[in-house]
Amino acid sequence: MTQAPTPSLDLVFMALADPTRRAILAMLLEDDMAVTDVADPFDMSLAAISKHLGILALAGLISQEKRGRVKWCKLEPDALREASIWMQAFGQFEAVNLDAFERFLAQELQTSLPEG
């Protein structure tokens, strides 16, 4: 199997930015697939699908292996690990409830303003 070295986060996110490539990854969650089977559900040429697969392989998200005359694609299970760790860092922040924050500020302002 040909597998790229550890890709940069930029390559991973660039690869994930395209809905066709995300759909291909979802298909490969089920099992390894031949390139022609990957191409079947899409309304585009085999060459276009091959370009998408090349980008996914460059990002390290899939690997490709030739078995006889057929090229097979396999999802690389650890490929999203670094991106996932990076995104989890943002999970430590809770969403701010702006309405509650505005009420809090209004109340604080009312109690701290001198009457005049």
PDB file of N, CA and C in Angstrom:
ATOM      1  N   MET A   1       0.842  -1.182   0.000  1.00  0.00           N
ATOM      2  CA  MET A   1       0.000   0.000   0.000  1.00  0.00           C
ATOM      3  C   MET A   1       0.880   1.235   0.000  1.00  0.00           C
ATOM      4  N   THR A   2       0.442   2.249  -0.728  1.00  0.00           N
ATOM      5  CA  THR A   2       1.173   3.502  -0.704  1.00  0.00           C
ATOM      6  C   THR A   2       0.520   4.415   0.311  1.00  0.00           C
ATOM      7  N   GLN A   3       1.322   4.938   1.208  1.00  0.00           N
ATOM      8  CA  GLN A   3       0.798   5.796   2.264  1.00  0.00           C
ATOM      9  C   GLN A   3       1.716   6.994   2.412  1.00  0.00           C
ATOM     10  N   ALA A   4       1.122   8.176   2.428  1.00  0.00           N
ATOM     11  CA  ALA A   4       1.904   9.400   2.537  1.00  0.00           C
ATOM     12  C   ALA A   4       2.434   9.552   3.957  1.00  0.00           C
ATOM     13  N   PRO A   5       3.532  10.286   4.132  1.00  0.00           N
ATOM     14  CA  PRO A   5       3.997  10.582   5.483  1.00  0.00           C
ATOM     15  C   PRO A   5       2.969  11.457   6.196  1.00  0.00           C
ATOM     16  N   THR A   6       3.148  11.652   7.489  1.00  0.00           N
ATOM     17  CA  THR A   6       2.197  12.438   8.269  1.00  0.00           C
ATOM     18  C   THR A   6       1.958  13.790   7.605  1.00  0.00           C
ATOM     19  N   PRO A   7       0.713  14.042   7.203  1.00  0.00           N
ATOM     20  CA  PRO A   7       0.419  15.290   6.493  1.00  0.00           C
ATOM     21  C   PRO A   7       0.234  16.453   7.465  1.00  0.00           C
ATOM     22  N   SER A   8       0.269  17.643   6.906  1.00  0.00           N
ATOM     23  CA  SER A   8       0.030  18.819   7.733  1.00  0.00           C
ATOM     24  C   SER A   8      -1.472  18.986   7.937  1.00  0.00           C
ATOM     25  N   LEU A   9      -1.821  19.719   8.968  1.00  0.00           N
ATOM     26  CA  LEU A   9      -3.235  20.016   9.216  1.00  0.00           C
ATOM     27  C   LEU A   9      -3.853  20.753   8.040  1.00  0.00           C
ATOM     28  N   ASP A  10      -3.069  21.606   7.381  1.00  0.00           N
ATOM     29  CA  ASP A  10      -3.593  22.340   6.229  1.00  0.00           C
ATOM     30  C   ASP A  10      -4.077  21.381   5.149  1.00  0.00           C
ATOM     31  N   LEU A  11      -3.297  20.339   4.868  1.00  0.00           N
ATOM     32  CA  LEU A  11      -3.702  19.365   3.845  1.00  0.00           C
ATOM     33  C   LEU A  11      -4.951  18.604   4.263  1.00  0.00           C
ATOM     34  N   VAL A  12      -5.027  18.240   5.528  1.00  0.00           N
ATOM     35  CA  VAL A  12      -6.197  17.497   6.019  1.00  0.00           C
ATOM     36  C   VAL A  12      -7.452  18.355   5.894  1.00  0.00           C
ATOM     37  N   PHE A  13      -7.383  19.599   6.376  1.00  0.00           N
ATOM     38  CA  PHE A  13      -8.566  20.456   6.317  1.00  0.00           C
ATOM     39  C   PHE A  13      -8.922  20.835   4.885  1.00  0.00           C
ATOM     40  N   MET A  14      -7.923  20.995   4.024  1.00  0.00           N
ATOM     41  CA  MET A  14      -8.193  21.275   2.616  1.00  0.00           C
ATOM     42  C   MET A  14      -8.920  20.093   1.984  1.00  0.00           C
ATOM     43  N   ALA A  15      -8.488  18.900   2.310  1.00  0.00           N
ATOM     44  CA  ALA A  15      -9.136  17.708   1.768  1.00  0.00           C
ATOM     45  C   ALA A  15     -10.572  17.582   2.278  1.00  0.00           C
ATOM     46  N   LEU A  16     -10.780  17.906   3.544  1.00  0.00           N
ATOM     47  CA  LEU A  16     -12.116  17.791   4.139  1.00  0.00           C
ATOM     48  C   LEU A  16     -13.061  18.912   3.706  1.00  0.00           C
ATOM     49  N   ALA A  17     -12.533  19.947   3.102  1.00  0.00           N
ATOM     50  CA  ALA A  17     -13.359  21.100   2.723  1.00  0.00           C
ATOM     51  C   ALA A  17     -14.319  20.785   1.582  1.00  0.00           C
ATOM     52  N   ASP A  18     -14.058  19.746   0.837  1.00  0.00           N
ATOM     53  CA  ASP A  18     -14.889  19.425  -0.322  1.00  0.00           C
ATOM     54  C   ASP A  18     -15.948  18.376   0.034  1.00  0.00           C
ATOM     55  N   PRO A  19     -17.221  18.636  -0.284  1.00  0.00           N
ATOM     56  CA  PRO A  19     -18.281  17.681   0.073  1.00  0.00           C
ATOM     57  C   PRO A  19     -18.142  16.322  -0.626  1.00  0.00           C
ATOM     58  N   THR A  20     -17.612  16.305  -1.833  1.00  0.00           N
ATOM     59  CA  THR A  20     -17.409  15.021  -2.520  1.00  0.00           C
ATOM     60  C   THR A  20     -16.395  14.177  -1.765  1.00  0.00           C
ATOM     61  N   ARG A  21     -15.316  14.797  -1.324  1.00  0.00           N
ATOM     62  CA  ARG A  21     -14.297  14.045  -0.589  1.00  0.00           C
ATOM     63  C   ARG A  21     -14.829  13.572   0.759  1.00  0.00           C
ATOM     64  N   ARG A  22     -15.642  14.393   1.416  1.00  0.00           N
ATOM     65  CA  ARG A  22     -16.246  13.940   2.680  1.00  0.00           C
ATOM     66  C   ARG A  22     -17.176  12.753   2.434  1.00  0.00           C
ATOM     67  N   ALA A  23     -17.917  12.782   1.333  1.00  0.00           N
ATOM     68  CA  ALA A  23     -18.811  11.661   0.996  1.00  0.00           C
ATOM     69  C   ALA A  23     -18.001  10.399   0.719  1.00  0.00           C
ATOM     70  N   ILE A  24     -16.874  10.543   0.042  1.00  0.00           N
ATOM     71  CA  ILE A  24     -16.010   9.387  -0.225  1.00  0.00           C
ATOM     72  C   ILE A  24     -15.506   8.797   1.087  1.00  0.00           C
ATOM     73  N   LEU A  25     -15.078   9.650   2.008  1.00  0.00           N
ATOM     74  CA  LEU A  25     -14.609   9.155   3.310  1.00  0.00           C
ATOM     75  C   LEU A  25     -15.715   8.413   4.039  1.00  0.00           C
ATOM     76  N   ALA A  26     -16.933   8.932   3.970  1.00  0.00           N
ATOM     77  CA  ALA A  26     -18.066   8.266   4.628  1.00  0.00           C
ATOM     78  C   ALA A  26     -18.306   6.894   4.014  1.00  0.00           C
ATOM     79  N   MET A  27     -18.163   6.786   2.699  1.00  0.00           N
ATOM     80  CA  MET A  27     -18.329   5.491   2.038  1.00  0.00           C
ATOM     81  C   MET A  27     -17.256   4.506   2.493  1.00  0.00           C
ATOM     82  N   LEU A  28     -16.038   5.002   2.654  1.00  0.00           N
ATOM     83  CA  LEU A  28     -14.927   4.127   3.031  1.00  0.00           C
ATOM     84  C   LEU A  28     -14.963   3.735   4.505  1.00  0.00           C
ATOM     85  N   LEU A  29     -15.829   4.373   5.288  1.00  0.00           N
ATOM     86  CA  LEU A  29     -16.018   3.939   6.677  1.00  0.00           C
ATOM     87  C   LEU A  29     -16.551   2.509   6.730  1.00  0.00           C
ATOM     88  N   GLU A  30     -17.355   2.157   5.723  1.00  0.00           N
ATOM     89  CA  GLU A  30     -17.975   0.832   5.677  1.00  0.00           C
ATOM     90  C   GLU A  30     -16.952  -0.269   5.381  1.00  0.00           C
ATOM     91  N   ASP A  31     -16.126  -0.041   4.348  1.00  0.00           N
ATOM     92  CA  ASP A  31     -15.176  -1.067   3.933  1.00  0.00           C
ATOM     93  C   ASP A  31     -14.265  -0.489   2.857  1.00  0.00           C
ATOM     94  N   ASP A  32     -13.188  -1.200   2.548  1.00  0.00           N
ATOM     95  CA  ASP A  32     -12.332  -0.836   1.423  1.00  0.00           C
ATOM     96  C   ASP A  32     -13.173  -0.925   0.150  1.00  0.00           C
ATOM     97  N   MET A  33     -12.842  -0.076  -0.818  1.00  0.00           N
ATOM     98  CA  MET A  33     -13.610  -0.084  -2.061  1.00  0.00           C
ATOM     99  C   MET A  33     -12.688   0.077  -3.259  1.00  0.00           C
ATOM    100  N   ALA A  34     -13.088  -0.528  -4.376  1.00  0.00           N
ATOM    101  CA  ALA A  34     -12.388  -0.317  -5.637  1.00  0.00           C
ATOM    102  C   ALA A  34     -12.723   1.099  -6.113  1.00  0.00           C
ATOM    103  N   VAL A  35     -11.800   1.716  -6.831  1.00  0.00           N
ATOM    104  CA  VAL A  35     -11.999   3.077  -7.328  1.00  0.00           C
ATOM    105  C   VAL A  35     -13.284   3.176  -8.138  1.00  0.00           C
ATOM    106  N   THR A  36     -13.561   2.171  -8.962  1.00  0.00           N
ATOM    107  CA  THR A  36     -14.779   2.215  -9.785  1.00  0.00           C
ATOM    108  C   THR A  36     -16.039   2.186  -8.920  1.00  0.00           C
ATOM    109  N   ASP A  37     -15.994   1.468  -7.795  1.00  0.00           N
ATOM    110  CA  ASP A  37     -17.141   1.445  -6.878  1.00  0.00           C
ATOM    111  C   ASP A  37     -17.294   2.778  -6.159  1.00  0.00           C
ATOM    112  N   VAL A  38     -16.174   3.408  -5.842  1.00  0.00           N
ATOM    113  CA  VAL A  38     -16.222   4.739  -5.218  1.00  0.00           C
ATOM    114  C   VAL A  38     -16.886   5.716  -6.183  1.00  0.00           C
ATOM    115  N   ALA A  39     -16.575   5.598  -7.457  1.00  0.00           N
ATOM    116  CA  ALA A  39     -17.073   6.545  -8.462  1.00  0.00           C
ATOM    117  C   ALA A  39     -18.557   6.368  -8.770  1.00  0.00           C
ATOM    118  N   ASP A  40     -19.102   5.173  -8.588  1.00  0.00           N
ATOM    119  CA  ASP A  40     -20.481   4.869  -9.003  1.00  0.00           C
ATOM    120  C   ASP A  40     -21.537   5.884  -8.571  1.00  0.00           C
ATOM    121  N   PRO A  41     -21.608   6.277  -7.295  1.00  0.00           N
ATOM    122  CA  PRO A  41     -22.710   7.159  -6.885  1.00  0.00           C
ATOM    123  C   PRO A  41     -22.574   8.611  -7.347  1.00  0.00           C
ATOM    124  N   PHE A  42     -21.430   8.977  -7.908  1.00  0.00           N
ATOM    125  CA  PHE A  42     -21.190  10.382  -8.253  1.00  0.00           C
ATOM    126  C   PHE A  42     -21.429  10.634  -9.732  1.00  0.00           C
ATOM    127  N   ASP A  43     -21.947  11.795 -10.012  1.00  0.00           N
ATOM    128  CA  ASP A  43     -22.207  12.207 -11.384  1.00  0.00           C
ATOM    129  C   ASP A  43     -20.998  12.989 -11.898  1.00  0.00           C
ATOM    130  N   MET A  44     -19.868  12.286 -11.996  1.00  0.00           N
ATOM    131  CA  MET A  44     -18.643  12.904 -12.516  1.00  0.00           C
ATOM    132  C   MET A  44     -17.783  11.807 -13.117  1.00  0.00           C
ATOM    133  N   SER A  45     -16.795  12.222 -13.867  1.00  0.00           N
ATOM    134  CA  SER A  45     -15.940  11.265 -14.564  1.00  0.00           C
ATOM    135  C   SER A  45     -15.049  10.508 -13.583  1.00  0.00           C
ATOM    136  N   LEU A  46     -14.550   9.375 -14.052  1.00  0.00           N
ATOM    137  CA  LEU A  46     -13.615   8.592 -13.248  1.00  0.00           C
ATOM    138  C   LEU A  46     -12.338   9.395 -13.000  1.00  0.00           C
ATOM    139  N   ALA A  47     -11.951  10.211 -13.977  1.00  0.00           N
ATOM    140  CA  ALA A  47     -10.761  11.064 -13.807  1.00  0.00           C
ATOM    141  C   ALA A  47     -10.973  12.068 -12.674  1.00  0.00           C
ATOM    142  N   ALA A  48     -12.166  12.633 -12.584  1.00  0.00           N
ATOM    143  CA  ALA A  48     -12.457  13.595 -11.515  1.00  0.00           C
ATOM    144  C   ALA A  48     -12.425  12.904 -10.154  1.00  0.00           C
ATOM    145  N   ILE A  49     -12.996  11.709 -10.066  1.00  0.00           N
ATOM    146  CA  ILE A  49     -12.958  10.947  -8.812  1.00  0.00           C
ATOM    147  C   ILE A  49     -11.514  10.611  -8.455  1.00  0.00           C
ATOM    148  N   SER A  50     -10.718  10.255  -9.444  1.00  0.00           N
ATOM    149  CA  SER A  50      -9.314   9.944  -9.195  1.00  0.00           C
ATOM    150  C   SER A  50      -8.571  11.138  -8.627  1.00  0.00           C
ATOM    151  N   LYS A  51      -8.912  12.343  -9.098  1.00  0.00           N
ATOM    152  CA  LYS A  51      -8.284  13.549  -8.539  1.00  0.00           C
ATOM    153  C   LYS A  51      -8.673  13.723  -7.072  1.00  0.00           C
ATOM    154  N   HIS A  52      -9.950  13.512  -6.760  1.00  0.00           N
ATOM    155  CA  HIS A  52     -10.402  13.600  -5.362  1.00  0.00           C
ATOM    156  C   HIS A  52      -9.665  12.568  -4.507  1.00  0.00           C
ATOM    157  N   LEU A  53      -9.542  11.356  -5.024  1.00  0.00           N
ATOM    158  CA  LEU A  53      -8.842  10.298  -4.275  1.00  0.00           C
ATOM    159  C   LEU A  53      -7.377  10.652  -4.083  1.00  0.00           C
ATOM    160  N   GLY A  54      -6.774  11.278  -5.071  1.00  0.00           N
ATOM    161  CA  GLY A  54      -5.385  11.704  -4.950  1.00  0.00           C
ATOM    162  C   GLY A  54      -5.197  12.732  -3.847  1.00  0.00           C
ATOM    163  N   ILE A  55      -6.134  13.656  -3.741  1.00  0.00           N
ATOM    164  CA  ILE A  55      -6.070  14.679  -2.685  1.00  0.00           C
ATOM    165  C   ILE A  55      -6.239  14.028  -1.313  1.00  0.00           C
ATOM    166  N   LEU A  56      -7.181  13.084  -1.211  1.00  0.00           N
ATOM    167  CA  LEU A  56      -7.383  12.373   0.059  1.00  0.00           C
ATOM    168  C   LEU A  56      -6.131  11.576   0.437  1.00  0.00           C
ATOM    169  N   ALA A  57      -5.489  10.965  -0.552  1.00  0.00           N
ATOM    170  CA  ALA A  57      -4.264  10.194  -0.290  1.00  0.00           C
ATOM    171  C   ALA A  57      -3.118  11.116   0.110  1.00  0.00           C
ATOM    172  N   LEU A  58      -2.998  12.259  -0.558  1.00  0.00           N
ATOM    173  CA  LEU A  58      -1.952  13.224  -0.227  1.00  0.00           C
ATOM    174  C   LEU A  58      -2.099  13.725   1.207  1.00  0.00           C
ATOM    175  N   ALA A  59      -3.343  13.883   1.643  1.00  0.00           N
ATOM    176  CA  ALA A  59      -3.609  14.323   3.012  1.00  0.00           C
ATOM    177  C   ALA A  59      -3.456  13.184   4.014  1.00  0.00           C
ATOM    178  N   GLY A  60      -3.235  11.969   3.524  1.00  0.00           N
ATOM    179  CA  GLY A  60      -3.055  10.824   4.419  1.00  0.00           C
ATOM    180  C   GLY A  60      -4.352  10.236   4.931  1.00  0.00           C
ATOM    181  N   LEU A  61      -5.486  10.683   4.392  1.00  0.00           N
ATOM    182  CA  LEU A  61      -6.783  10.210   4.862  1.00  0.00           C
ATOM    183  C   LEU A  61      -7.146   8.835   4.311  1.00  0.00           C
ATOM    184  N   ILE A  62      -6.600   8.501   3.148  1.00  0.00           N
ATOM    185  CA  ILE A  62      -6.807   7.178   2.576  1.00  0.00           C
ATOM    186  C   ILE A  62      -5.466   6.659   2.064  1.00  0.00           C
ATOM    187  N   SER A  63      -5.421   5.357   1.842  1.00  0.00           N
ATOM    188  CA  SER A  63      -4.295   4.753   1.129  1.00  0.00           C
ATOM    189  C   SER A  63      -4.887   4.004  -0.052  1.00  0.00           C
ATOM    190  N   GLN A  64      -4.059   3.769  -1.051  1.00  0.00           N
ATOM    191  CA  GLN A  64      -4.506   3.056  -2.243  1.00  0.00           C
ATOM    192  C   GLN A  64      -3.563   1.901  -2.509  1.00  0.00           C
ATOM    193  N   GLU A  65      -4.136   0.801  -2.968  1.00  0.00           N
ATOM    194  CA  GLU A  65      -3.362  -0.404  -3.227  1.00  0.00           C
ATOM    195  C   GLU A  65      -3.884  -1.036  -4.507  1.00  0.00           C
ATOM    196  N   LYS A  66      -2.962  -1.441  -5.349  1.00  0.00           N
ATOM    197  CA  LYS A  66      -3.354  -2.118  -6.576  1.00  0.00           C
ATOM    198  C   LYS A  66      -3.390  -3.618  -6.317  1.00  0.00           C
ATOM    199  N   ARG A  67      -4.549  -4.216  -6.582  1.00  0.00           N
ATOM    200  CA  ARG A  67      -4.726  -5.666  -6.455  1.00  0.00           C
ATOM    201  C   ARG A  67      -5.094  -6.189  -7.839  1.00  0.00           C
ATOM    202  N   GLY A  68      -4.145  -6.785  -8.496  1.00  0.00           N
ATOM    203  CA  GLY A  68      -4.374  -7.208  -9.877  1.00  0.00           C
ATOM    204  C   GLY A  68      -4.536  -5.976 -10.757  1.00  0.00           C
ATOM    205  N   ARG A  69      -5.651  -5.883 -11.445  1.00  0.00           N
ATOM    206  CA  ARG A  69      -5.925  -4.727 -12.304  1.00  0.00           C
ATOM    207  C   ARG A  69      -6.729  -3.647 -11.589  1.00  0.00           C
ATOM    208  N   VAL A  70      -7.133  -3.922 -10.385  1.00  0.00           N
ATOM    209  CA  VAL A  70      -8.050  -3.021  -9.668  1.00  0.00           C
ATOM    210  C   VAL A  70      -7.315  -2.241  -8.586  1.00  0.00           C
ATOM    211  N   LYS A  71      -7.578  -0.948  -8.540  1.00  0.00           N
ATOM    212  CA  LYS A  71      -7.002  -0.096  -7.496  1.00  0.00           C
ATOM    213  C   LYS A  71      -8.040   0.035  -6.377  1.00  0.00           C
ATOM    214  N   TRP A  72      -7.622  -0.300  -5.160  1.00  0.00           N
ATOM    215  CA  TRP A  72      -8.501  -0.272  -3.996  1.00  0.00           C
ATOM    216  C   TRP A  72      -8.154   0.909  -3.101  1.00  0.00           C
ATOM    217  N   CYS A  73      -9.164   1.437  -2.438  1.00  0.00           N
ATOM    218  CA  CYS A  73      -8.999   2.565  -1.512  1.00  0.00           C
ATOM    219  C   CYS A  73      -9.361   2.094  -0.109  1.00  0.00           C
ATOM    220  N   LYS A  74      -8.576   2.556   0.853  1.00  0.00           N
ATOM    221  CA  LYS A  74      -8.800   2.185   2.252  1.00  0.00           C
ATOM    222  C   LYS A  74      -8.704   3.432   3.112  1.00  0.00           C
ATOM    223  N   LEU A  75      -9.642   3.596   4.005  1.00  0.00           N
ATOM    224  CA  LEU A  75      -9.624   4.691   4.963  1.00  0.00           C
ATOM    225  C   LEU A  75      -8.493   4.445   5.962  1.00  0.00           C
ATOM    226  N   GLU A  76      -7.734   5.474   6.249  1.00  0.00           N
ATOM    227  CA  GLU A  76      -6.663   5.360   7.246  1.00  0.00           C
ATOM    228  C   GLU A  76      -7.220   5.810   8.586  1.00  0.00           C
ATOM    229  N   PRO A  77      -7.397   4.890   9.525  1.00  0.00           N
ATOM    230  CA  PRO A  77      -8.114   5.182  10.769  1.00  0.00           C
ATOM    231  C   PRO A  77      -7.488   6.265  11.642  1.00  0.00           C
ATOM    232  N   ASP A  78      -6.181   6.408  11.622  1.00  0.00           N
ATOM    233  CA  ASP A  78      -5.528   7.395  12.481  1.00  0.00           C
ATOM    234  C   ASP A  78      -5.308   8.736  11.788  1.00  0.00           C
ATOM    235  N   ALA A  79      -5.781   8.858  10.571  1.00  0.00           N
ATOM    236  CA  ALA A  79      -5.474  10.038   9.770  1.00  0.00           C
ATOM    237  C   ALA A  79      -6.047  11.334  10.346  1.00  0.00           C
ATOM    238  N   LEU A  80      -7.151  11.246  11.036  1.00  0.00           N
ATOM    239  CA  LEU A  80      -7.788  12.448  11.576  1.00  0.00           C
ATOM    240  C   LEU A  80      -7.393  12.735  13.026  1.00  0.00           C
ATOM    241  N   ARG A  81      -6.503  11.937  13.566  1.00  0.00           N
ATOM    242  CA  ARG A  81      -6.126  12.080  14.980  1.00  0.00           C
ATOM    243  C   ARG A  81      -5.601  13.486  15.298  1.00  0.00           C
ATOM    244  N   GLU A  82      -4.639  13.964  14.528  1.00  0.00           N
ATOM    245  CA  GLU A  82      -4.042  15.271  14.802  1.00  0.00           C
ATOM    246  C   GLU A  82      -5.081  16.395  14.654  1.00  0.00           C
ATOM    247  N   ALA A  83      -5.920  16.293  13.612  1.00  0.00           N
ATOM    248  CA  ALA A  83      -6.964  17.299  13.411  1.00  0.00           C
ATOM    249  C   ALA A  83      -7.972  17.253  14.556  1.00  0.00           C
ATOM    250  N   SER A  84      -8.299  16.064  14.999  1.00  0.00           N
ATOM    251  CA  SER A  84      -9.245  15.911  16.099  1.00  0.00           C
ATOM    252  C   SER A  84      -8.698  16.510  17.391  1.00  0.00           C
ATOM    253  N   ILE A  85      -7.430  16.261  17.666  1.00  0.00           N
ATOM    254  CA  ILE A  85      -6.802  16.827  18.871  1.00  0.00           C
ATOM    255  C   ILE A  85      -6.808  18.347  18.790  1.00  0.00           C
ATOM    256  N   TRP A  86      -6.503  18.876  17.610  1.00  0.00           N
ATOM    257  CA  TRP A  86      -6.495  20.333  17.426  1.00  0.00           C
ATOM    258  C   TRP A  86      -7.889  20.912  17.657  1.00  0.00           C
ATOM    259  N   MET A  87      -8.925  20.253  17.129  1.00  0.00           N
ATOM    260  CA  MET A  87     -10.290  20.761  17.277  1.00  0.00           C
ATOM    261  C   MET A  87     -10.799  20.620  18.712  1.00  0.00           C
ATOM    262  N   GLN A  88     -10.370  19.590  19.415  1.00  0.00           N
ATOM    263  CA  GLN A  88     -10.819  19.381  20.791  1.00  0.00           C
ATOM    264  C   GLN A  88     -10.377  20.509  21.706  1.00  0.00           C
ATOM    265  N   ALA A  89      -9.297  21.176  21.351  1.00  0.00           N
ATOM    266  CA  ALA A  89      -8.841  22.303  22.165  1.00  0.00           C
ATOM    267  C   ALA A  89      -9.895  23.394  22.227  1.00  0.00           C
ATOM    268  N   PHE A  90     -10.708  23.499  21.204  1.00  0.00           N
ATOM    269  CA  PHE A  90     -11.747  24.520  21.188  1.00  0.00           C
ATOM    270  C   PHE A  90     -12.987  24.086  21.965  1.00  0.00           C
ATOM    271  N   GLY A  91     -13.078  22.829  22.319  1.00  0.00           N
ATOM    272  CA  GLY A  91     -14.218  22.327  23.067  1.00  0.00           C
ATOM    273  C   GLY A  91     -14.227  22.762  24.515  1.00  0.00           C
ATOM    274  N   GLN A  92     -13.111  23.304  24.995  1.00  0.00           N
ATOM    275  CA  GLN A  92     -13.047  23.711  26.399  1.00  0.00           C
ATOM    276  C   GLN A  92     -13.831  24.985  26.661  1.00  0.00           C
ATOM    277  N   PHE A  93     -14.197  25.693  25.607  1.00  0.00           N
ATOM    278  CA  PHE A  93     -14.936  26.936  25.767  1.00  0.00           C
ATOM    279  C   PHE A  93     -16.420  26.675  25.570  1.00  0.00           C
ATOM    280  N   GLU A  94     -17.219  27.073  26.542  1.00  0.00           N
ATOM    281  CA  GLU A  94     -18.661  26.927  26.401  1.00  0.00           C
ATOM    282  C   GLU A  94     -19.204  28.093  25.604  1.00  0.00           C
ATOM    283  N   ALA A  95     -20.297  27.852  24.923  1.00  0.00           N
ATOM    284  CA  ALA A  95     -20.938  28.917  24.157  1.00  0.00           C
ATOM    285  C   ALA A  95     -21.424  29.996  25.127  1.00  0.00           C
ATOM    286  N   VAL A  96     -21.250  31.218  24.730  1.00  0.00           N
ATOM    287  CA  VAL A  96     -21.645  32.335  25.586  1.00  0.00           C
ATOM    288  C   VAL A  96     -23.119  32.642  25.355  1.00  0.00           C
ATOM    289  N   ASN A  97     -23.863  32.732  26.441  1.00  0.00           N
ATOM    290  CA  ASN A  97     -25.267  33.124  26.363  1.00  0.00           C
ATOM    291  C   ASN A  97     -25.289  34.648  26.441  1.00  0.00           C
ATOM    292  N   LEU A  98     -25.382  35.296  25.281  1.00  0.00           N
ATOM    293  CA  LEU A  98     -25.276  36.753  25.222  1.00  0.00           C
ATOM    294  C   LEU A  98     -26.434  37.449  25.921  1.00  0.00           C
ATOM    295  N   ASP A  99     -27.626  36.862  25.867  1.00  0.00           N
ATOM    296  CA  ASP A  99     -28.778  37.474  26.553  1.00  0.00           C
ATOM    297  C   ASP A  99     -28.553  37.493  28.061  1.00  0.00           C
ATOM    298  N   ALA A 100     -28.088  36.387  28.613  1.00  0.00           N
ATOM    299  CA  ALA A 100     -27.839  36.331  30.053  1.00  0.00           C
ATOM    300  C   ALA A 100     -26.708  37.280  30.429  1.00  0.00           C
ATOM    301  N   PHE A 101     -25.699  37.364  29.580  1.00  0.00           N
ATOM    302  CA  PHE A 101     -24.585  38.269  29.835  1.00  0.00           C
ATOM    303  C   PHE A 101     -25.054  39.720  29.814  1.00  0.00           C
ATOM    304  N   GLU A 102     -25.942  40.071  28.889  1.00  0.00           N
ATOM    305  CA  GLU A 102     -26.484  41.433  28.800  1.00  0.00           C
ATOM    306  C   GLU A 102     -27.316  41.770  30.048  1.00  0.00           C
ATOM    307  N   ARG A 103     -28.128  40.807  30.511  1.00  0.00           N
ATOM    308  CA  ARG A 103     -28.907  41.028  31.731  1.00  0.00           C
ATOM    309  C   ARG A 103     -27.992  41.222  32.933  1.00  0.00           C
ATOM    310  N   PHE A 104     -26.950  40.416  33.012  1.00  0.00           N
ATOM    311  CA  PHE A 104     -25.983  40.536  34.099  1.00  0.00           C
ATOM    312  C   PHE A 104     -25.339  41.924  34.096  1.00  0.00           C
ATOM    313  N   LEU A 105     -24.906  42.374  32.924  1.00  0.00           N
ATOM    314  CA  LEU A 105     -24.285  43.695  32.830  1.00  0.00           C
ATOM    315  C   LEU A 105     -25.259  44.805  33.221  1.00  0.00           C
ATOM    316  N   ALA A 106     -26.488  44.716  32.772  1.00  0.00           N
ATOM    317  CA  ALA A 106     -27.491  45.729  33.102  1.00  0.00           C
ATOM    318  C   ALA A 106     -27.714  45.778  34.609  1.00  0.00           C
ATOM    319  N   GLN A 107     -27.797  44.618  35.228  1.00  0.00           N
ATOM    320  CA  GLN A 107     -28.004  44.558  36.674  1.00  0.00           C
ATOM    321  C   GLN A 107     -26.802  45.134  37.409  1.00  0.00           C
ATOM    322  N   GLU A 108     -25.608  44.781  36.971  1.00  0.00           N
ATOM    323  CA  GLU A 108     -24.397  45.294  37.601  1.00  0.00           C
ATOM    324  C   GLU A 108     -24.307  46.813  37.459  1.00  0.00           C
ATOM    325  N   LEU A 109     -24.674  47.322  36.306  1.00  0.00           N
ATOM    326  CA  LEU A 109     -24.622  48.763  36.083  1.00  0.00           C
ATOM    327  C   LEU A 109     -25.628  49.492  36.980  1.00  0.00           C
ATOM    328  N   GLN A 110     -26.802  48.902  37.137  1.00  0.00           N
ATOM    329  CA  GLN A 110     -27.825  49.523  37.970  1.00  0.00           C
ATOM    330  C   GLN A 110     -27.390  49.582  39.431  1.00  0.00           C
ATOM    331  N   THR A 111     -26.767  48.545  39.910  1.00  0.00           N
ATOM    332  CA  THR A 111     -26.384  48.498  41.322  1.00  0.00           C
ATOM    333  C   THR A 111     -25.115  49.293  41.598  1.00  0.00           C
ATOM    334  N   SER A 112     -24.304  49.531  40.584  1.00  0.00           N
ATOM    335  CA  SER A 112     -23.052  50.233  40.841  1.00  0.00           C
ATOM    336  C   SER A 112     -23.101  51.720  40.488  1.00  0.00           C
ATOM    337  N   LEU A 113     -24.130  52.183  39.809  1.00  0.00           N
ATOM    338  CA  LEU A 113     -24.229  53.604  39.482  1.00  0.00           C
ATOM    339  C   LEU A 113     -24.703  54.403  40.682  1.00  0.00           C
ATOM    340  N   PRO A 114     -24.030  55.507  40.975  1.00  0.00           N
ATOM    341  CA  PRO A 114     -24.503  56.354  42.085  1.00  0.00           C
ATOM    342  C   PRO A 114     -25.793  57.046  41.678  1.00  0.00           C
ATOM    343  N   GLU A 115     -26.670  57.184  42.615  1.00  0.00           N
ATOM    344  CA  GLU A 115     -27.940  57.859  42.322  1.00  0.00           C
ATOM    345  C   GLU A 115     -27.692  59.345  42.348  1.00  0.00           C
ATOM    346  N   GLY A 116     -28.288  60.032  41.404  1.00  0.00           N
ATOM    347  CA  GLY A 116     -28.022  61.457  41.359  1.00  0.00           C
ATOM    348  C   GLY A 116     -29.108  62.281  40.912  1.00  0.00           C
TER     349      GLY A 116
END
